[in-house]
Amino acid sequence: MPYIITEECLMCAACESECPNGAIYEGEDTYVIDQDKCEECGDCVEVCPNEAIIFVE
């Protein structure tokens, strides 16, 4: 699970529209990354205005 969206998510949807694989969707309190679809491109990280998407090793 390399990329996750933290509780700092503002629910702005910038990451959802940027994801080329459709791996990001609206969850209950934050957006969520579907790890089966994520190819770790990092596009979502670059557009997040609140730095709420982090890489986890």
N, C-alpha and C. Protein backbone atom coordinates (compact mmCIF):
# COMPACT_ATOMS: atom_id res chain seq x y z
N MET A 1 0.84 -1.18 0.00
CA MET A 1 0.00 0.00 0.00
C MET A 1 0.88 1.25 0.00
N PRO A 2 1.52 1.56 -1.09
CA PRO A 2 2.47 2.66 -1.13
C PRO A 2 1.88 4.06 -0.93
N TYR A 3 0.79 4.41 -1.59
CA TYR A 3 0.20 5.73 -1.41
C TYR A 3 -1.09 5.60 -0.61
N ILE A 4 -1.25 6.50 0.36
CA ILE A 4 -2.49 6.57 1.11
C ILE A 4 -2.91 8.03 1.22
N ILE A 5 -4.18 8.23 1.45
CA ILE A 5 -4.71 9.56 1.67
C ILE A 5 -5.02 9.69 3.15
N THR A 6 -4.42 10.68 3.78
CA THR A 6 -4.54 10.85 5.22
C THR A 6 -5.79 11.65 5.59
N GLU A 7 -6.00 11.78 6.89
CA GLU A 7 -7.15 12.53 7.40
C GLU A 7 -7.04 14.02 7.11
N GLU A 8 -5.91 14.45 6.57
CA GLU A 8 -5.74 15.85 6.17
C GLU A 8 -6.48 16.17 4.87
N CYS A 9 -7.08 15.17 4.25
CA CYS A 9 -7.81 15.32 2.98
C CYS A 9 -8.92 16.36 3.13
N LEU A 10 -8.97 17.29 2.18
CA LEU A 10 -9.97 18.35 2.18
C LEU A 10 -11.22 17.98 1.36
N MET A 11 -11.20 16.79 0.77
CA MET A 11 -12.30 16.33 -0.09
C MET A 11 -12.50 17.26 -1.29
N CYS A 12 -11.41 17.77 -1.85
CA CYS A 12 -11.51 18.72 -2.96
C CYS A 12 -11.64 18.02 -4.32
N ALA A 13 -11.32 16.74 -4.39
CA ALA A 13 -11.44 15.92 -5.60
C ALA A 13 -10.35 16.17 -6.65
N ALA A 14 -9.34 16.97 -6.35
CA ALA A 14 -8.27 17.22 -7.31
C ALA A 14 -7.56 15.93 -7.69
N CYS A 15 -7.35 15.06 -6.73
CA CYS A 15 -6.64 13.81 -6.98
C CYS A 15 -7.47 12.84 -7.82
N GLU A 16 -8.77 12.82 -7.60
CA GLU A 16 -9.64 11.87 -8.31
C GLU A 16 -9.58 12.11 -9.81
N SER A 17 -9.68 13.35 -10.22
CA SER A 17 -9.67 13.65 -11.65
C SER A 17 -8.29 13.51 -12.27
N GLU A 18 -7.25 13.56 -11.47
CA GLU A 18 -5.87 13.46 -11.98
C GLU A 18 -5.42 12.02 -12.18
N CYS A 19 -6.02 11.08 -11.47
CA CYS A 19 -5.58 9.68 -11.53
C CYS A 19 -5.89 9.05 -12.89
N PRO A 20 -4.86 8.60 -13.62
CA PRO A 20 -5.09 8.03 -14.95
C PRO A 20 -5.72 6.64 -14.91
N ASN A 21 -5.75 6.01 -13.75
CA ASN A 21 -6.27 4.65 -13.64
C ASN A 21 -7.61 4.56 -12.94
N GLY A 22 -8.16 5.68 -12.52
CA GLY A 22 -9.43 5.67 -11.81
C GLY A 22 -9.33 4.97 -10.46
N ALA A 23 -8.17 5.05 -9.83
CA ALA A 23 -7.92 4.35 -8.56
C ALA A 23 -8.38 5.12 -7.34
N ILE A 24 -8.80 6.36 -7.53
CA ILE A 24 -9.18 7.20 -6.38
C ILE A 24 -10.68 7.45 -6.43
N TYR A 25 -11.31 7.25 -5.28
CA TYR A 25 -12.75 7.46 -5.20
C TYR A 25 -13.11 8.10 -3.87
N GLU A 26 -14.29 8.69 -3.83
CA GLU A 26 -14.75 9.38 -2.63
C GLU A 26 -15.18 8.38 -1.57
N GLY A 27 -14.55 8.47 -0.40
CA GLY A 27 -14.92 7.65 0.73
C GLY A 27 -15.83 8.43 1.66
N GLU A 28 -16.02 7.92 2.85
CA GLU A 28 -16.92 8.57 3.80
C GLU A 28 -16.36 9.89 4.33
N ASP A 29 -15.09 9.88 4.77
CA ASP A 29 -14.48 11.07 5.35
C ASP A 29 -13.34 11.65 4.52
N THR A 30 -12.76 10.83 3.65
CA THR A 30 -11.65 11.24 2.79
C THR A 30 -11.79 10.51 1.46
N TYR A 31 -10.98 10.93 0.51
CA TYR A 31 -10.89 10.14 -0.71
C TYR A 31 -10.03 8.92 -0.39
N VAL A 32 -10.18 7.86 -1.18
CA VAL A 32 -9.51 6.58 -0.92
C VAL A 32 -8.82 6.13 -2.20
N ILE A 33 -7.66 5.48 -2.04
CA ILE A 33 -6.93 4.93 -3.19
C ILE A 33 -7.14 3.42 -3.23
N ASP A 34 -7.65 2.92 -4.34
CA ASP A 34 -7.82 1.49 -4.56
C ASP A 34 -6.44 0.93 -4.92
N GLN A 35 -5.85 0.20 -4.02
CA GLN A 35 -4.49 -0.29 -4.21
C GLN A 35 -4.36 -1.27 -5.37
N ASP A 36 -5.43 -1.92 -5.77
CA ASP A 36 -5.39 -2.85 -6.90
C ASP A 36 -5.29 -2.11 -8.23
N LYS A 37 -5.73 -0.86 -8.27
CA LYS A 37 -5.69 -0.07 -9.51
C LYS A 37 -4.51 0.90 -9.55
N CYS A 38 -3.98 1.26 -8.39
CA CYS A 38 -2.90 2.25 -8.32
C CYS A 38 -1.61 1.71 -8.91
N GLU A 39 -1.01 2.49 -9.80
CA GLU A 39 0.27 2.11 -10.41
C GLU A 39 1.42 2.95 -9.87
N GLU A 40 1.17 3.67 -8.78
CA GLU A 40 2.19 4.46 -8.09
C GLU A 40 2.85 5.52 -8.98
N CYS A 41 2.06 6.17 -9.81
CA CYS A 41 2.62 7.19 -10.71
C CYS A 41 2.92 8.50 -9.98
N GLY A 42 2.19 8.77 -8.89
CA GLY A 42 2.43 9.98 -8.11
C GLY A 42 1.72 11.22 -8.61
N ASP A 43 0.90 11.10 -9.65
CA ASP A 43 0.19 12.27 -10.18
C ASP A 43 -0.71 12.89 -9.10
N CYS A 44 -1.33 12.05 -8.30
CA CYS A 44 -2.23 12.55 -7.26
C CYS A 44 -1.48 13.36 -6.21
N VAL A 45 -0.28 12.94 -5.88
CA VAL A 45 0.53 13.64 -4.88
C VAL A 45 0.83 15.06 -5.35
N GLU A 46 1.12 15.19 -6.62
CA GLU A 46 1.51 16.48 -7.18
C GLU A 46 0.37 17.50 -7.18
N VAL A 47 -0.88 17.05 -7.26
CA VAL A 47 -2.00 17.99 -7.34
C VAL A 47 -2.70 18.22 -6.00
N CYS A 48 -2.38 17.45 -4.99
CA CYS A 48 -3.05 17.60 -3.70
C CYS A 48 -2.65 18.92 -3.04
N PRO A 49 -3.62 19.82 -2.82
CA PRO A 49 -3.28 21.13 -2.27
C PRO A 49 -2.96 21.10 -0.77
N ASN A 50 -3.24 20.00 -0.11
CA ASN A 50 -3.04 19.93 1.33
C ASN A 50 -1.99 18.89 1.74
N GLU A 51 -1.28 18.35 0.76
CA GLU A 51 -0.26 17.33 1.01
C GLU A 51 -0.82 16.16 1.84
N ALA A 52 -2.03 15.75 1.49
CA ALA A 52 -2.71 14.68 2.24
C ALA A 52 -2.43 13.30 1.68
N ILE A 53 -1.70 13.21 0.58
CA ILE A 53 -1.37 11.91 0.00
C ILE A 53 0.11 11.65 0.25
N ILE A 54 0.36 10.54 0.92
CA ILE A 54 1.74 10.23 1.30
C ILE A 54 2.13 8.84 0.83
N PHE A 55 3.42 8.64 0.67
CA PHE A 55 3.99 7.35 0.30
C PHE A 55 4.34 6.59 1.57
N VAL A 56 3.87 5.37 1.67
CA VAL A 56 4.14 4.54 2.85
C VAL A 56 4.90 3.31 2.41
N GLU A 57 6.01 3.02 3.07
CA GLU A 57 6.80 1.84 2.72
C GLU A 57 6.41 0.66 3.56
